[in-house]
Amino acid sequence: MTSLRARLLLALITLSTLSANLWILLKNPLNNDVAWYLYMASGILSGKRLYVDFIETNPPLMCMLTIFPVWIAKVSHVDPKLMWYLTTTLVCGAFAAAAAWFWGIAQTTERTVRAVLFAFLLVISLAFFFAYDFGQRDHLAFVASLAVCGLLAARLACANVSKSAAIATAVFGGLFLALKPFFVLPWLLCLIWAITAKGWKSAARWPETYIVPAMSLVQVVLVLFVTPAYLAVMRLVASLYASFGTESWGTLLTRPFLLVSLVGSSLTFLYPASAARRNSIRLASLHALGWFLSGFLQRKGWHYHTLPAVVALCFAVWMILLDVASTRTVRSPSRRVVLATAAVLLFGFAGVRTLRLRWGYPSDNENLIPILMREARGAPVAALATGMSVFPLINDTETTLGLHYNGLWPLPGLYARQVQEGTPDGVWHYRQPSEMGAAEREMFDSVVADLAAEPRLIILWRGKTEQGMGTLRVDLLGYFSQDTRVMSALSHYEPVSVPGDYVVLRHLPESASVR
């Protein structure tokens, strides 16, 4: 293939992937986490305070990064959703380009192969995270890790890496890896391998050795000097993640995405690669293993936590395919076995991923849209739910959040034993306010105060998900009605509709003077 044809093919693949990505994203509702961050960022720009007006259980870095596209959207009068997707798509493209350059020069490949490598990296950076998973913290950290680990691959190949390129990659890549402590694990494993191969003296001269971990200090600075209120929220977080959303190690290892990423990364590491590409393939395998550890150590096993491990494995498989293509022969039986297994993993999980695309709102949530538009446009809405989020409904219906919390999903963690083991009568037995611990009482009092302010609508959710109360029958109204202020406020509401798993309570017009 000529250089001109390679460039035209690369341009065609790039434009097609970017266009398809944006089209699918704009045809779908925002991910609920992303919608929540956009909502908070918009509120902060309007003078509200993180961890005071919004109770967010995660550190502030992601919200702070979201402020930039929201601010640009505000001053340019562009839809924040569109600006967010444009920004994150450009971020993914930039990291894919950096990764293709570093992994490419690490293998001393010709320009055509580098173009193909970039096209593949762009596809896995975007296509595997289409629709609902796009823009999650795990997604952005994954594309960043491709670049910083590729930088280490270039180092091992003794490639000529400019200092400015290394610093820029380490700063921006390290910033996204700092979104969660677990995200640094893929880079850390690759760094250990690079140090083993090159020695401490060489690694000490690389700026990324210091910059990537130093970027994690950004979180500390933000908490201590910008959002110190998070220190109080950490008490609730500690209580939640000691119990809620966790699974046993044995259960996690039966998760197909995690298990296959562990087995697959081990196989790709053992692949007998050519000398020119051995270190690159080893690093790609360790990168996949690092994402397996990230998902495994979080002990959640939710889809978007395990997805980066599988996508990283697909990249390691692609590196093997490039090696096979360059040698034009596969004589060794071990190579044939590993190659066949790798191909099955790559295309099999690509198919599984495609089947998981989510189009549109879940039907029950979609039923809420006309109700919110008709009854609460510009007014606060409160959702009493442990397994659903009012986001992106809030963003898409021009309503406001009537609670400091974006949902009551933390509540099951405070009743972990009941949720996990159930009760003989199948009913959730909640504690009285005098029996509650500090974290539960803080959440209880916050929600009570919000309900006492009488939001325009109260959405009572009765469905069940893995983030809900399981098989228990839950009486959230009864739980919060232990406070007389809520009992008094509820007398000013009437049911307006019962769409699916929801009961919607509307504030009576004659009681609106309470506002």
Protein backbone atom coordinates (compact mmCIF):
# COMPACT_ATOMS: atom_id res chain seq x y z
CA MET A 1 0.00 0.00 0.00
CA THR A 2 1.43 3.38 -0.97
CA SER A 3 1.92 6.15 1.56
CA LEU A 4 -0.82 8.24 -0.07
CA ARG A 5 -3.32 5.38 -0.02
CA ALA A 6 -2.45 4.67 3.61
CA ARG A 7 -3.10 8.28 4.55
CA LEU A 8 -6.40 8.36 2.66
CA LEU A 9 -7.48 5.11 4.32
CA LEU A 10 -6.50 6.49 7.72
CA ALA A 11 -8.44 9.72 7.09
CA LEU A 12 -11.50 7.74 5.95
CA ILE A 13 -11.42 5.45 9.00
CA THR A 14 -10.87 8.39 11.34
CA LEU A 15 -13.71 10.51 9.95
CA SER A 16 -16.08 7.55 9.78
CA THR A 17 -15.35 6.53 13.37
CA LEU A 18 -15.67 10.07 14.73
CA SER A 19 -18.88 10.71 12.80
CA ALA A 20 -20.46 7.41 13.81
CA ASN A 21 -19.44 7.97 17.41
CA LEU A 22 -20.97 11.45 17.63
CA TRP A 23 -24.12 10.35 15.79
CA ILE A 24 -24.73 7.46 18.17
CA LEU A 25 -23.95 9.59 21.22
CA LEU A 26 -26.27 12.42 20.26
CA LYS A 27 -29.07 9.95 19.47
CA ASN A 28 -28.87 8.55 23.00
CA PRO A 29 -29.46 10.05 26.44
CA LEU A 30 -26.46 10.94 28.56
CA ASN A 31 -24.99 8.41 30.90
CA ASN A 32 -26.49 9.14 34.33
CA ASP A 33 -23.06 9.71 35.94
CA VAL A 34 -21.97 12.06 33.15
CA ALA A 35 -25.28 13.92 33.35
CA TRP A 36 -24.79 14.36 37.10
CA TYR A 37 -21.30 15.81 36.59
CA LEU A 38 -22.56 18.22 33.94
CA TYR A 39 -25.34 19.30 36.28
CA MET A 40 -22.92 19.89 39.15
CA ALA A 41 -20.46 21.75 36.93
CA SER A 42 -23.22 24.05 35.71
CA GLY A 43 -24.28 24.67 39.32
CA ILE A 44 -20.72 25.47 40.38
CA LEU A 45 -20.47 28.03 37.58
CA SER A 46 -23.67 29.56 39.00
CA GLY A 47 -22.16 29.90 42.47
CA LYS A 48 -23.15 26.63 44.14
CA ARG A 49 -20.67 24.64 46.20
CA LEU A 50 -19.54 21.07 45.70
CA TYR A 51 -20.14 18.81 48.76
CA VAL A 52 -22.38 21.52 50.23
CA ASP A 53 -25.13 22.13 47.67
CA PHE A 54 -24.31 18.83 45.94
CA ILE A 55 -23.42 15.73 47.95
CA GLU A 56 -21.06 13.79 45.70
CA THR A 57 -19.43 10.66 47.12
CA ASN A 58 -16.44 10.77 44.74
CA PRO A 59 -13.37 13.05 44.92
CA PRO A 60 -13.68 16.39 43.10
CA LEU A 61 -11.30 15.97 40.15
CA MET A 62 -13.83 14.64 37.64
CA CYS A 63 -16.30 17.40 38.46
CA MET A 64 -13.56 20.03 38.16
CA LEU A 65 -12.53 18.71 34.74
CA THR A 66 -16.16 18.80 33.62
CA ILE A 67 -16.35 22.52 34.41
CA PHE A 68 -14.24 23.41 31.35
CA PRO A 69 -16.53 22.05 28.59
CA VAL A 70 -19.60 23.31 30.48
CA TRP A 71 -18.09 26.79 30.72
CA ILE A 72 -17.24 26.76 27.00
CA ALA A 73 -20.80 25.65 26.22
CA LYS A 74 -22.17 28.46 28.38
CA VAL A 75 -20.16 31.28 26.80
CA SER A 76 -20.66 29.95 23.27
CA HIS A 77 -24.38 29.18 23.79
CA VAL A 78 -23.93 25.53 22.80
CA ASP A 79 -25.74 22.55 24.31
CA PRO A 80 -23.53 21.23 27.18
CA LYS A 81 -24.22 17.67 26.05
CA LEU A 82 -22.85 18.40 22.57
CA MET A 83 -19.84 20.27 23.97
CA TRP A 84 -19.11 17.44 26.39
CA TYR A 85 -19.13 14.85 23.62
CA LEU A 86 -17.02 17.02 21.32
CA THR A 87 -14.48 17.59 24.10
CA THR A 88 -14.25 13.97 25.20
CA THR A 89 -14.07 12.76 21.59
CA LEU A 90 -11.14 15.11 20.98
CA VAL A 91 -9.50 13.90 24.20
CA CYS A 92 -9.90 10.29 23.09
CA GLY A 93 -8.56 11.10 19.64
CA ALA A 94 -5.54 12.94 21.06
CA PHE A 95 -4.67 10.07 23.39
CA ALA A 96 -5.17 7.54 20.58
CA ALA A 97 -2.81 9.54 18.36
CA ALA A 98 -0.19 9.74 21.12
CA ALA A 99 -0.57 6.03 21.85
CA ALA A 100 -0.25 5.12 18.16
CA TRP A 101 2.90 7.21 17.86
CA PHE A 102 4.59 5.73 20.93
CA TRP A 103 3.57 2.11 20.36
CA GLY A 104 4.43 2.53 16.69
CA ILE A 105 7.97 3.85 17.17
CA ALA A 106 8.48 1.18 19.85
CA GLN A 107 8.14 -1.44 17.11
CA THR A 108 10.06 0.53 14.45
CA THR A 109 7.16 -0.15 12.09
CA GLU A 110 6.62 1.51 8.75
CA ARG A 111 4.19 4.39 8.36
CA THR A 112 1.44 2.24 6.90
CA VAL A 113 1.41 -0.04 9.93
CA ARG A 114 1.45 3.00 12.23
CA ALA A 115 -1.60 4.34 10.38
CA VAL A 116 -3.39 1.04 10.87
CA LEU A 117 -2.35 1.02 14.54
CA PHE A 118 -3.79 4.52 15.02
CA ALA A 119 -7.04 3.54 13.31
CA PHE A 120 -7.39 0.52 15.60
CA LEU A 121 -6.57 2.54 18.72
CA LEU A 122 -9.11 5.17 17.72
CA VAL A 123 -11.77 2.52 17.18
CA ILE A 124 -11.22 0.82 20.54
CA SER A 125 -11.02 4.21 22.27
CA LEU A 126 -14.40 5.19 20.88
CA ALA A 127 -16.37 2.24 19.53
CA PHE A 128 -15.98 -0.04 22.54
CA PHE A 129 -17.37 2.74 24.71
CA PHE A 130 -20.21 3.75 22.42
CA ALA A 131 -23.40 5.19 23.82
CA TYR A 132 -24.07 4.63 27.50
CA ASP A 133 -20.50 4.00 28.70
CA PHE A 134 -18.95 6.93 26.83
CA GLY A 135 -17.31 9.57 29.02
CA GLN A 136 -17.24 7.51 32.22
CA ARG A 137 -14.17 8.05 34.37
CA ASP A 138 -13.07 4.49 33.55
CA HIS A 139 -13.28 5.28 29.84
CA LEU A 140 -11.22 8.47 30.01
CA ALA A 141 -8.61 6.83 32.25
CA PHE A 142 -8.33 3.92 29.82
CA VAL A 143 -7.48 6.06 26.79
CA ALA A 144 -4.98 7.98 28.92
CA SER A 145 -3.30 4.75 30.04
CA LEU A 146 -2.85 3.69 26.41
CA ALA A 147 -0.68 6.76 25.86
CA VAL A 148 1.41 6.70 29.05
CA CYS A 149 2.07 2.96 28.74
CA GLY A 150 2.95 3.45 25.08
CA LEU A 151 5.51 6.00 26.21
CA LEU A 152 7.15 3.29 28.32
CA ALA A 153 7.13 0.96 25.31
CA ALA A 154 9.00 3.58 23.31
CA ARG A 155 11.53 3.89 26.14
CA LEU A 156 12.20 0.16 26.12
CA ALA A 157 12.74 0.25 22.37
CA CYS A 158 15.30 3.04 22.85
CA ALA A 159 13.21 5.22 20.54
CA ASN A 160 13.90 8.92 20.31
CA VAL A 161 11.21 10.53 22.49
CA SER A 162 11.30 14.29 22.85
CA LYS A 163 11.23 15.62 26.38
CA SER A 164 8.30 17.92 25.68
CA ALA A 165 6.21 15.05 24.26
CA ALA A 166 7.01 12.90 27.29
CA ILE A 167 6.10 15.68 29.73
CA ALA A 168 2.85 16.55 27.94
CA THR A 169 1.78 12.90 27.80
CA ALA A 170 2.67 12.35 31.46
CA VAL A 171 0.84 15.48 32.64
CA PHE A 172 -2.42 14.92 30.77
CA GLY A 173 -2.31 11.14 31.01
CA GLY A 174 -1.48 11.26 34.70
CA LEU A 175 -4.31 13.71 35.30
CA PHE A 176 -6.91 11.26 34.01
CA LEU A 177 -5.29 8.34 35.81
CA ALA A 178 -5.72 10.36 39.01
CA LEU A 179 -9.51 10.17 38.73
CA LYS A 180 -9.40 7.02 40.89
CA PRO A 181 -6.49 5.46 42.79
CA PHE A 182 -7.06 2.13 40.99
CA PHE A 183 -6.51 3.67 37.56
CA VAL A 184 -2.76 4.01 38.04
CA LEU A 185 -2.29 0.23 38.31
CA PRO A 186 -1.86 -0.50 34.54
CA TRP A 187 0.83 2.15 34.26
CA LEU A 188 2.47 0.99 37.49
CA LEU A 189 2.80 -2.60 36.25
CA CYS A 190 4.27 -1.38 32.97
CA LEU A 191 6.69 0.89 34.84
CA ILE A 192 7.89 -2.01 36.98
CA TRP A 193 8.54 -4.05 33.84
CA ALA A 194 10.37 -1.11 32.23
CA ILE A 195 12.54 -0.67 35.31
CA THR A 196 13.31 -4.40 35.30
CA ALA A 197 14.39 -4.18 31.67
CA LYS A 198 16.23 -0.85 31.76
CA GLY A 199 17.24 -0.39 35.38
CA TRP A 200 16.55 2.32 37.93
CA LYS A 201 19.17 4.70 36.55
CA SER A 202 17.45 4.88 33.17
CA ALA A 203 13.97 5.18 34.65
CA ALA A 204 15.15 7.97 36.94
CA ARG A 205 15.90 10.09 33.85
CA TRP A 206 12.38 9.75 32.46
CA PRO A 207 10.14 12.69 33.46
CA GLU A 208 7.02 10.52 33.38
CA THR A 209 8.40 8.39 36.22
CA TYR A 210 7.73 11.32 38.54
CA ILE A 211 4.99 13.25 36.77
CA VAL A 212 2.37 10.49 36.46
CA PRO A 213 2.22 9.63 40.19
CA ALA A 214 2.65 13.31 41.10
CA MET A 215 -0.56 14.14 39.23
CA SER A 216 -2.43 12.13 41.85
CA LEU A 217 -1.53 14.88 44.29
CA VAL A 218 -3.95 17.08 42.36
CA GLN A 219 -6.75 15.25 44.15
CA VAL A 220 -5.15 15.98 47.53
CA VAL A 221 -4.74 19.66 46.69
CA LEU A 222 -8.33 19.93 45.50
CA VAL A 223 -9.68 18.30 48.65
CA LEU A 224 -7.54 20.22 51.12
CA PHE A 225 -7.65 23.67 49.56
CA VAL A 226 -10.67 23.79 47.21
CA THR A 227 -13.29 21.36 48.53
CA PRO A 228 -12.42 20.58 52.17
CA ALA A 229 -16.10 19.68 52.73
CA TYR A 230 -15.28 16.35 51.06
CA LEU A 231 -13.44 15.28 54.22
CA ALA A 232 -16.81 15.03 55.96
CA VAL A 233 -18.34 13.15 53.02
CA MET A 234 -15.49 10.62 53.19
CA ARG A 235 -17.03 9.30 56.40
CA LEU A 236 -20.13 8.32 54.47
CA VAL A 237 -18.02 6.94 51.62
CA ALA A 238 -16.02 4.75 54.01
CA SER A 239 -19.23 3.35 55.45
CA LEU A 240 -20.66 2.67 52.01
CA TYR A 241 -17.75 1.00 50.33
CA ALA A 242 -17.01 -1.18 53.31
CA SER A 243 -20.21 -3.02 52.45
CA PHE A 244 -22.31 -1.70 49.57
CA GLY A 245 -21.64 -2.82 46.02
CA THR A 246 -18.96 -5.27 47.08
CA GLU A 247 -18.71 -8.88 46.07
CA SER A 248 -16.61 -11.78 47.26
CA TRP A 249 -13.34 -12.39 45.45
CA GLY A 250 -14.63 -15.76 44.28
CA THR A 251 -17.77 -14.20 42.82
CA LEU A 252 -15.73 -11.56 40.99
CA LEU A 253 -13.57 -14.21 39.36
CA THR A 254 -16.67 -15.75 37.82
CA ARG A 255 -17.44 -12.47 36.05
CA PRO A 256 -16.82 -13.32 32.36
CA PHE A 257 -15.24 -9.98 31.47
CA LEU A 258 -12.79 -10.10 34.36
CA LEU A 259 -11.99 -13.79 34.08
CA VAL A 260 -11.32 -13.64 30.35
CA SER A 261 -9.15 -10.54 30.75
CA LEU A 262 -7.05 -12.38 33.35
CA VAL A 263 -6.62 -15.50 31.22
CA GLY A 264 -6.20 -13.54 28.00
CA SER A 265 -3.57 -11.15 29.35
CA SER A 266 -1.61 -14.13 30.70
CA LEU A 267 -1.70 -15.85 27.29
CA THR A 268 -0.64 -12.76 25.39
CA PHE A 269 2.24 -12.25 27.84
CA LEU A 270 3.50 -15.78 27.03
CA TYR A 271 3.30 -15.26 23.27
CA PRO A 272 6.76 -15.90 21.71
CA ALA A 273 7.06 -12.59 19.91
CA SER A 274 9.81 -11.45 17.61
CA ALA A 275 12.70 -9.65 19.30
CA ALA A 276 11.68 -6.25 17.90
CA ARG A 277 8.19 -6.46 19.43
CA ARG A 278 8.65 -8.61 22.51
CA ASN A 279 8.74 -5.77 25.05
CA SER A 280 5.81 -3.97 23.41
CA ILE A 281 3.62 -7.07 23.57
CA ARG A 282 4.68 -7.73 27.17
CA LEU A 283 3.73 -4.17 28.11
CA ALA A 284 0.38 -4.44 26.32
CA SER A 285 -0.28 -7.64 28.27
CA LEU A 286 0.66 -6.02 31.57
CA HIS A 287 -1.53 -3.06 30.68
CA ALA A 288 -4.48 -5.45 30.30
CA LEU A 289 -3.54 -7.21 33.54
CA GLY A 290 -3.43 -3.85 35.32
CA TRP A 291 -6.99 -3.09 34.23
CA PHE A 292 -8.03 -6.53 35.44
CA LEU A 293 -6.57 -5.67 38.85
CA SER A 294 -8.31 -2.29 38.78
CA GLY A 295 -11.71 -3.86 38.24
CA PHE A 296 -10.99 -6.73 40.62
CA LEU A 297 -9.74 -4.65 43.54
CA GLN A 298 -12.72 -2.31 43.36
CA ARG A 299 -14.83 -5.38 44.17
CA LYS A 300 -17.84 -4.10 42.29
CA GLY A 301 -17.88 -6.02 39.05
CA TRP A 302 -20.20 -3.53 37.34
CA HIS A 303 -20.02 -3.46 33.57
CA TYR A 304 -18.15 -0.20 33.11
CA HIS A 305 -15.56 -1.22 35.73
CA THR A 306 -14.67 -4.40 33.84
CA LEU A 307 -14.90 -3.06 30.29
CA PRO A 308 -11.41 -1.43 30.17
CA ALA A 309 -9.79 -4.78 31.04
CA VAL A 310 -11.41 -6.43 28.01
CA VAL A 311 -10.62 -3.54 25.66
CA ALA A 312 -7.00 -3.55 26.88
CA LEU A 313 -6.87 -7.27 26.13
CA CYS A 314 -8.13 -6.61 22.60
CA PHE A 315 -5.26 -4.17 22.16
CA ALA A 316 -2.74 -6.76 23.34
CA VAL A 317 -4.21 -9.22 20.84
CA TRP A 318 -3.91 -6.62 18.09
CA MET A 319 -0.22 -6.18 18.90
CA ILE A 320 0.22 -9.92 18.42
CA LEU A 321 -1.61 -9.79 15.09
CA LEU A 322 0.74 -7.01 13.96
CA ASP A 323 3.70 -9.18 14.89
CA VAL A 324 2.25 -12.13 12.97
CA ALA A 325 1.52 -9.96 9.97
CA SER A 326 5.08 -8.63 9.94
CA THR A 327 6.69 -12.08 10.11
CA ARG A 328 4.23 -13.47 7.51
CA THR A 329 4.51 -16.93 9.01
CA VAL A 330 3.30 -18.78 12.07
CA ARG A 331 5.44 -21.91 12.32
CA SER A 332 5.47 -22.53 16.07
CA PRO A 333 2.53 -24.60 17.41
CA SER A 334 2.47 -22.42 20.53
CA ARG A 335 2.10 -19.34 18.34
CA ARG A 336 -0.83 -20.90 16.49
CA VAL A 337 -2.60 -21.80 19.75
CA VAL A 338 -2.09 -18.36 21.27
CA LEU A 339 -3.05 -16.62 18.04
CA ALA A 340 -6.26 -18.63 17.65
CA THR A 341 -7.25 -18.02 21.26
CA ALA A 342 -6.46 -14.32 20.96
CA ALA A 343 -8.52 -13.95 17.79
CA VAL A 344 -11.52 -15.60 19.43
CA LEU A 345 -11.21 -13.27 22.43
CA LEU A 346 -10.90 -10.19 20.25
CA PHE A 347 -13.81 -10.77 17.91
CA GLY A 348 -15.98 -12.63 20.42
CA PHE A 349 -15.90 -9.86 22.96
CA ALA A 350 -16.22 -7.22 20.29
CA GLY A 351 -19.52 -8.91 19.40
CA VAL A 352 -20.61 -9.10 23.03
CA ARG A 353 -19.81 -5.44 23.44
CA THR A 354 -21.86 -4.52 20.39
CA LEU A 355 -24.87 -6.38 21.76
CA ARG A 356 -24.68 -4.27 24.94
CA LEU A 357 -25.34 -0.99 23.16
CA ARG A 358 -28.15 0.86 24.90
CA TRP A 359 -30.51 2.85 22.71
CA GLY A 360 -32.77 5.46 24.25
CA TYR A 361 -34.20 5.65 27.73
CA PRO A 362 -35.45 2.60 29.61
CA SER A 363 -39.21 2.53 28.96
CA ASP A 364 -40.22 3.54 32.50
CA ASN A 365 -37.84 6.50 32.53
CA GLU A 366 -39.13 7.60 29.14
CA ASN A 367 -42.65 7.65 30.56
CA LEU A 368 -41.50 10.20 33.13
CA ILE A 369 -40.34 12.76 30.56
CA PRO A 370 -43.77 14.23 29.62
CA ILE A 371 -44.78 14.28 33.29
CA LEU A 372 -41.69 16.24 34.31
CA MET A 373 -42.02 18.59 31.34
CA ARG A 374 -45.67 19.26 32.12
CA GLU A 375 -45.60 19.40 35.91
CA ALA A 376 -42.15 20.58 36.96
CA ARG A 377 -40.32 22.56 34.27
CA GLY A 378 -37.89 24.86 36.08
CA ALA A 379 -38.93 23.41 39.46
CA PRO A 380 -37.22 20.94 41.84
CA VAL A 381 -37.83 17.19 41.58
CA ALA A 382 -36.91 14.70 44.31
CA ALA A 383 -36.51 10.96 43.67
CA LEU A 384 -36.89 8.52 46.54
CA ALA A 385 -35.11 5.61 44.94
CA THR A 386 -32.22 3.26 45.66
CA GLY A 387 -31.83 1.84 42.18
CA MET A 388 -32.64 4.59 39.69
CA SER A 389 -31.22 8.01 39.00
CA VAL A 390 -33.15 11.10 37.96
CA PHE A 391 -30.24 11.84 35.66
CA PRO A 392 -30.25 12.50 32.74
CA LEU A 393 -33.98 13.17 33.16
CA ILE A 394 -33.16 16.36 35.07
CA ASN A 395 -30.89 17.57 32.27
CA ASP A 396 -33.35 16.76 29.49
CA THR A 397 -36.53 18.15 31.05
CA GLU A 398 -35.28 21.55 32.29
CA THR A 399 -36.08 20.65 35.89
CA THR A 400 -33.81 20.95 38.93
CA LEU A 401 -32.70 18.49 41.56
CA GLY A 402 -34.78 18.60 44.72
CA LEU A 403 -32.27 16.65 46.85
CA HIS A 404 -28.67 17.29 47.77
CA TYR A 405 -28.00 13.66 46.76
CA ASN A 406 -28.41 12.61 43.13
CA GLY A 407 -30.19 9.49 44.37
CA LEU A 408 -30.51 7.28 47.42
CA TRP A 409 -28.22 4.59 46.04
CA PRO A 410 -25.93 4.82 49.12
CA LEU A 411 -28.75 3.62 51.39
CA PRO A 412 -28.37 -0.13 50.68
CA GLY A 413 -24.77 0.08 51.88
CA LEU A 414 -25.99 1.19 55.28
CA TYR A 415 -28.20 -1.90 55.44
CA ALA A 416 -25.76 -4.28 53.76
CA ARG A 417 -26.57 -7.38 55.81
CA GLN A 418 -30.31 -7.12 55.17
CA VAL A 419 -29.72 -6.45 51.49
CA GLN A 420 -27.29 -9.35 51.03
CA GLU A 421 -28.94 -11.92 53.30
CA GLY A 422 -32.57 -10.83 53.17
CA THR A 423 -35.04 -11.01 56.04
CA PRO A 424 -37.49 -13.78 57.01
CA ASP A 425 -40.51 -11.67 56.07
CA GLY A 426 -38.89 -10.06 53.00
CA VAL A 427 -39.40 -6.56 54.44
CA TRP A 428 -36.73 -3.92 54.95
CA HIS A 429 -36.50 -3.13 58.68
CA TYR A 430 -35.10 0.38 58.99
CA ARG A 431 -33.61 1.96 62.07
CA GLN A 432 -35.20 4.78 64.00
CA PRO A 433 -33.31 8.09 63.91
CA SER A 434 -32.02 7.58 67.47
CA GLU A 435 -30.48 4.23 66.42
CA MET A 436 -28.73 5.50 63.29
CA GLY A 437 -25.00 5.86 62.99
CA ALA A 438 -23.39 9.16 62.05
CA ALA A 439 -23.27 8.49 58.29
CA GLU A 440 -26.87 7.31 58.06
CA ARG A 441 -28.17 10.11 60.26
CA GLU A 442 -26.39 12.71 58.17
CA MET A 443 -27.99 11.35 55.00
CA PHE A 444 -31.39 10.99 56.68
CA ASP A 445 -31.39 14.59 57.96
CA SER A 446 -30.29 15.94 54.57
CA VAL A 447 -33.10 14.19 52.69
CA VAL A 448 -35.66 15.12 55.36
CA ALA A 449 -34.72 18.80 55.05
CA ASP A 450 -35.02 18.60 51.25
CA LEU A 451 -38.45 16.95 51.41
CA ALA A 452 -39.62 19.46 54.03
CA ALA A 453 -38.89 22.19 51.46
CA GLU A 454 -41.63 20.53 49.36
CA PRO A 455 -40.23 20.04 45.84
CA ARG A 456 -42.70 20.24 42.98
CA LEU A 457 -42.63 16.48 42.32
CA ILE A 458 -41.61 13.46 44.37
CA ILE A 459 -40.82 10.32 42.37
CA LEU A 460 -41.16 7.16 44.40
CA TRP A 461 -39.34 4.28 42.74
CA ARG A 462 -40.45 0.69 43.39
CA GLY A 463 -38.22 -1.24 41.01
CA LYS A 464 -35.27 -3.49 41.81
CA THR A 465 -31.71 -3.48 40.49
CA GLU A 466 -28.31 -4.63 41.71
CA GLN A 467 -27.94 -1.18 43.29
CA GLY A 468 -31.31 -1.38 45.02
CA MET A 469 -32.61 -3.31 47.98
CA GLY A 470 -32.59 -6.64 46.19
CA THR A 471 -35.66 -8.74 46.96
CA LEU A 472 -36.71 -6.70 50.01
CA ARG A 473 -39.93 -4.72 50.03
CA VAL A 474 -38.82 -1.17 50.70
CA ASP A 475 -40.89 1.61 52.27
CA LEU A 476 -38.86 4.74 51.64
CA LEU A 477 -41.75 7.05 52.44
CA GLY A 478 -42.17 5.32 55.78
CA TYR A 479 -38.45 5.57 56.45
CA PHE A 480 -38.28 9.34 55.98
CA SER A 481 -41.73 9.92 57.46
CA GLN A 482 -40.25 9.07 60.84
CA ASP A 483 -39.58 12.79 60.93
CA THR A 484 -42.77 14.80 61.46
CA ARG A 485 -41.64 17.44 58.95
CA VAL A 486 -41.93 14.91 56.15
CA MET A 487 -45.33 13.73 57.39
CA SER A 488 -46.53 17.32 57.30
CA ALA A 489 -45.08 17.96 53.83
CA LEU A 490 -46.62 14.80 52.32
CA SER A 491 -50.09 16.03 53.22
CA HIS A 492 -49.62 18.67 50.51
CA TYR A 493 -49.15 16.12 47.70
CA GLU A 494 -51.40 14.04 45.48
CA PRO A 495 -50.55 11.16 43.11
CA VAL A 496 -50.41 12.31 39.51
CA SER A 497 -49.43 9.19 37.61
CA VAL A 498 -48.16 5.64 38.04
CA PRO A 499 -45.84 4.87 35.08
CA GLY A 500 -44.32 1.42 35.49
CA ASP A 501 -42.24 1.13 38.63
CA TYR A 502 -42.88 4.73 39.68
CA VAL A 503 -45.37 6.62 41.77
CA VAL A 504 -45.29 10.34 41.10
CA LEU A 505 -46.54 12.75 43.78
CA ARG A 506 -47.41 16.32 42.73
CA HIS A 507 -47.37 19.29 45.06
CA LEU A 508 -50.85 20.75 45.40
CA PRO A 509 -51.11 24.34 44.10
CA GLU A 510 -52.81 25.60 47.26
CA SER A 511 -49.85 24.45 49.31
CA ALA A 512 -47.26 26.18 47.16
CA SER A 513 -46.92 29.02 49.67
CA VAL A 514 -44.56 26.80 51.67
CA ARG A 515 -41.92 27.56 49.09
